[in-house]
Amino acid sequence: MSNTPHELIAEFPAEAGKISALKEADAHFARLVEEYHEVNRAVHRAETRVEPVSPDHETELRKKRGALKDQIWARLTA
């Protein structure tokens, strides 16, 4: 378990410009990015015990973050 935030720019540094451009041009992509950031913040708060949650809920949050990241990557590479 890592307490390091998984910001999209850190996850996909070579795609920073494309992420920014797609957020402006594609409303669906912008929603995916916003949802990713919301879930990522929730995971980080759970990991650092700022907002403790059950282990099962923390696992579900991580799975959701991973699924969103996969969707974002798919859009970036389409």
N, C-alpha and C. Protein backbone atom coordinates (compact mmCIF):
# COMPACT_ATOMS: atom_id res chain seq x y z
N MET A 1 0.85 -1.17 0.00
CA MET A 1 0.00 0.00 0.00
C MET A 1 0.89 1.23 0.00
N SER A 2 0.55 2.14 -0.85
CA SER A 2 1.32 3.37 -0.97
C SER A 2 0.45 4.55 -0.58
N ASN A 3 1.03 5.49 0.15
CA ASN A 3 0.29 6.70 0.52
C ASN A 3 0.56 7.82 -0.48
N THR A 4 1.20 7.49 -1.58
CA THR A 4 1.53 8.49 -2.59
C THR A 4 0.31 8.74 -3.46
N PRO A 5 -0.08 10.00 -3.63
CA PRO A 5 -1.21 10.28 -4.52
C PRO A 5 -0.89 9.86 -5.95
N HIS A 6 -1.87 9.33 -6.62
CA HIS A 6 -1.70 8.86 -8.00
C HIS A 6 -2.31 9.88 -8.96
N GLU A 7 -1.74 11.06 -9.01
CA GLU A 7 -2.26 12.10 -9.90
C GLU A 7 -2.03 11.68 -11.35
N LEU A 8 -2.97 12.03 -12.22
CA LEU A 8 -2.89 11.60 -13.62
C LEU A 8 -1.62 12.09 -14.31
N ILE A 9 -1.22 13.30 -14.03
CA ILE A 9 -0.01 13.83 -14.67
C ILE A 9 1.21 13.01 -14.25
N ALA A 10 1.23 12.53 -13.02
CA ALA A 10 2.33 11.68 -12.56
C ALA A 10 2.22 10.28 -13.15
N GLU A 11 1.00 9.82 -13.36
CA GLU A 11 0.78 8.49 -13.93
C GLU A 11 1.12 8.46 -15.42
N PHE A 12 0.79 9.53 -16.13
CA PHE A 12 1.00 9.62 -17.57
C PHE A 12 1.75 10.91 -17.92
N PRO A 13 3.00 11.07 -17.48
CA PRO A 13 3.70 12.35 -17.69
C PRO A 13 3.87 12.72 -19.16
N ALA A 14 4.04 11.74 -20.02
CA ALA A 14 4.23 12.04 -21.44
C ALA A 14 2.93 12.49 -22.11
N GLU A 15 1.82 12.30 -21.44
CA GLU A 15 0.51 12.62 -22.01
C GLU A 15 -0.12 13.88 -21.39
N ALA A 16 0.65 14.64 -20.63
CA ALA A 16 0.11 15.80 -19.93
C ALA A 16 -0.60 16.77 -20.87
N GLY A 17 0.02 17.08 -21.99
CA GLY A 17 -0.59 18.01 -22.95
C GLY A 17 -1.86 17.45 -23.54
N LYS A 18 -1.83 16.16 -23.85
CA LYS A 18 -3.01 15.51 -24.44
C LYS A 18 -4.16 15.46 -23.43
N ILE A 19 -3.85 15.20 -22.17
CA ILE A 19 -4.88 15.18 -21.13
C ILE A 19 -5.55 16.54 -21.07
N SER A 20 -4.75 17.58 -21.04
CA SER A 20 -5.30 18.93 -20.97
C SER A 20 -6.17 19.25 -22.19
N ALA A 21 -5.68 18.92 -23.37
CA ALA A 21 -6.44 19.20 -24.60
C ALA A 21 -7.73 18.41 -24.65
N LEU A 22 -7.68 17.14 -24.27
CA LEU A 22 -8.90 16.32 -24.31
C LEU A 22 -9.92 16.79 -23.28
N LYS A 23 -9.45 17.25 -22.13
CA LYS A 23 -10.39 17.78 -21.13
C LYS A 23 -11.18 18.95 -21.69
N GLU A 24 -10.54 19.76 -22.50
CA GLU A 24 -11.19 20.92 -23.11
C GLU A 24 -12.13 20.53 -24.25
N ALA A 25 -11.75 19.52 -25.01
CA ALA A 25 -12.48 19.18 -26.23
C ALA A 25 -13.52 18.08 -26.06
N ASP A 26 -13.40 17.27 -25.02
CA ASP A 26 -14.24 16.08 -24.88
C ASP A 26 -14.88 16.06 -23.49
N ALA A 27 -16.17 16.34 -23.43
CA ALA A 27 -16.88 16.41 -22.14
C ALA A 27 -16.84 15.08 -21.40
N HIS A 28 -16.96 13.98 -22.13
CA HIS A 28 -16.93 12.66 -21.48
C HIS A 28 -15.55 12.42 -20.84
N PHE A 29 -14.50 12.74 -21.57
CA PHE A 29 -13.15 12.59 -21.03
C PHE A 29 -12.98 13.47 -19.80
N ALA A 30 -13.47 14.70 -19.85
CA ALA A 30 -13.36 15.61 -18.71
C ALA A 30 -14.07 15.02 -17.49
N ARG A 31 -15.23 14.38 -17.70
CA ARG A 31 -15.95 13.75 -16.58
C ARG A 31 -15.15 12.58 -16.02
N LEU A 32 -14.55 11.77 -16.90
CA LEU A 32 -13.71 10.66 -16.44
C LEU A 32 -12.56 11.16 -15.57
N VAL A 33 -11.91 12.23 -16.02
CA VAL A 33 -10.78 12.79 -15.28
C VAL A 33 -11.25 13.32 -13.93
N GLU A 34 -12.36 14.02 -13.90
CA GLU A 34 -12.88 14.55 -12.63
C GLU A 34 -13.24 13.42 -11.68
N GLU A 35 -13.90 12.38 -12.20
CA GLU A 35 -14.26 11.24 -11.35
C GLU A 35 -13.00 10.54 -10.84
N TYR A 36 -12.00 10.41 -11.71
CA TYR A 36 -10.73 9.80 -11.28
C TYR A 36 -10.14 10.60 -10.12
N HIS A 37 -10.12 11.93 -10.25
CA HIS A 37 -9.55 12.76 -9.19
C HIS A 37 -10.34 12.63 -7.89
N GLU A 38 -11.65 12.56 -7.97
CA GLU A 38 -12.48 12.40 -6.77
C GLU A 38 -12.18 11.07 -6.08
N VAL A 39 -12.15 9.99 -6.86
CA VAL A 39 -11.88 8.67 -6.29
C VAL A 39 -10.44 8.60 -5.78
N ASN A 40 -9.51 9.17 -6.52
CA ASN A 40 -8.11 9.17 -6.10
C ASN A 40 -7.94 9.90 -4.76
N ARG A 41 -8.62 11.03 -4.62
CA ARG A 41 -8.55 11.76 -3.34
C ARG A 41 -9.14 10.92 -2.21
N ALA A 42 -10.23 10.21 -2.48
CA ALA A 42 -10.85 9.35 -1.46
C ALA A 42 -9.90 8.22 -1.06
N VAL A 43 -9.23 7.63 -2.03
CA VAL A 43 -8.25 6.57 -1.74
C VAL A 43 -7.13 7.15 -0.88
N HIS A 44 -6.62 8.29 -1.26
CA HIS A 44 -5.51 8.88 -0.50
C HIS A 44 -5.94 9.21 0.94
N ARG A 45 -7.13 9.75 1.10
CA ARG A 45 -7.63 10.04 2.46
C ARG A 45 -7.79 8.76 3.27
N ALA A 46 -8.25 7.68 2.62
CA ALA A 46 -8.39 6.40 3.31
C ALA A 46 -7.02 5.83 3.69
N GLU A 47 -6.07 5.89 2.77
CA GLU A 47 -4.74 5.34 3.03
C GLU A 47 -4.03 6.09 4.15
N THR A 48 -4.22 7.38 4.22
CA THR A 48 -3.53 8.18 5.25
C THR A 48 -4.35 8.27 6.53
N ARG A 49 -5.50 7.62 6.54
CA ARG A 49 -6.40 7.55 7.70
C ARG A 49 -6.99 8.91 8.07
N VAL A 50 -6.99 9.83 7.12
CA VAL A 50 -7.67 11.12 7.33
C VAL A 50 -9.17 10.85 7.41
N GLU A 51 -9.65 9.94 6.55
CA GLU A 51 -11.03 9.48 6.56
C GLU A 51 -11.01 7.96 6.53
N PRO A 52 -10.84 7.33 7.69
CA PRO A 52 -10.75 5.86 7.71
C PRO A 52 -12.01 5.21 7.15
N VAL A 53 -11.81 4.15 6.39
CA VAL A 53 -12.90 3.36 5.85
C VAL A 53 -12.56 1.89 6.08
N SER A 54 -13.52 1.02 5.85
CA SER A 54 -13.27 -0.41 6.01
C SER A 54 -12.29 -0.87 4.93
N PRO A 55 -11.56 -1.93 5.21
CA PRO A 55 -10.64 -2.46 4.20
C PRO A 55 -11.36 -2.81 2.89
N ASP A 56 -12.58 -3.34 2.99
CA ASP A 56 -13.32 -3.68 1.77
C ASP A 56 -13.65 -2.43 0.96
N HIS A 57 -14.06 -1.38 1.63
CA HIS A 57 -14.39 -0.14 0.91
C HIS A 57 -13.13 0.46 0.27
N GLU A 58 -12.03 0.40 0.99
CA GLU A 58 -10.76 0.92 0.43
C GLU A 58 -10.37 0.13 -0.81
N THR A 59 -10.54 -1.18 -0.77
CA THR A 59 -10.26 -2.02 -1.93
C THR A 59 -11.16 -1.66 -3.10
N GLU A 60 -12.43 -1.44 -2.84
CA GLU A 60 -13.37 -1.06 -3.90
C GLU A 60 -12.98 0.29 -4.51
N LEU A 61 -12.57 1.22 -3.67
CA LEU A 61 -12.13 2.52 -4.18
C LEU A 61 -10.92 2.36 -5.10
N ARG A 62 -9.98 1.52 -4.69
CA ARG A 62 -8.79 1.29 -5.52
C ARG A 62 -9.16 0.65 -6.86
N LYS A 63 -10.09 -0.30 -6.81
CA LYS A 63 -10.55 -0.94 -8.06
C LYS A 63 -11.21 0.07 -8.98
N LYS A 64 -12.02 0.94 -8.40
CA LYS A 64 -12.70 1.95 -9.20
C LYS A 64 -11.67 2.90 -9.82
N ARG A 65 -10.68 3.31 -9.02
CA ARG A 65 -9.63 4.19 -9.53
C ARG A 65 -8.90 3.51 -10.69
N GLY A 66 -8.59 2.22 -10.55
CA GLY A 66 -7.91 1.49 -11.61
C GLY A 66 -8.74 1.40 -12.88
N ALA A 67 -10.04 1.17 -12.72
CA ALA A 67 -10.93 1.09 -13.88
C ALA A 67 -11.01 2.43 -14.59
N LEU A 68 -11.10 3.51 -13.83
CA LEU A 68 -11.13 4.85 -14.43
C LEU A 68 -9.82 5.15 -15.14
N LYS A 69 -8.72 4.78 -14.52
CA LYS A 69 -7.41 5.00 -15.15
C LYS A 69 -7.32 4.24 -16.46
N ASP A 70 -7.84 3.00 -16.50
CA ASP A 70 -7.85 2.22 -17.74
C ASP A 70 -8.68 2.91 -18.81
N GLN A 71 -9.84 3.44 -18.44
CA GLN A 71 -10.69 4.14 -19.40
C GLN A 71 -10.01 5.40 -19.94
N ILE A 72 -9.35 6.11 -19.04
CA ILE A 72 -8.64 7.33 -19.46
C ILE A 72 -7.51 6.96 -20.41
N TRP A 73 -6.75 5.91 -20.08
CA TRP A 73 -5.67 5.49 -20.96
C TRP A 73 -6.20 5.08 -22.32
N ALA A 74 -7.32 4.38 -22.34
CA ALA A 74 -7.91 3.96 -23.60
C ALA A 74 -8.27 5.18 -24.47
N ARG A 75 -8.79 6.23 -23.84
CA ARG A 75 -9.12 7.44 -24.59
C ARG A 75 -7.86 8.15 -25.07
N LEU A 76 -6.81 8.13 -24.25
CA LEU A 76 -5.56 8.79 -24.63
C LEU A 76 -4.88 8.10 -25.81
N THR A 77 -5.06 6.79 -25.90
CA THR A 77 -4.37 6.05 -26.94
C THR A 77 -5.27 5.72 -28.14
N ALA A 78 -6.50 6.21 -28.10
CA ALA A 78 -7.45 5.92 -29.21
C ALA A 78 -7.07 6.68 -30.46
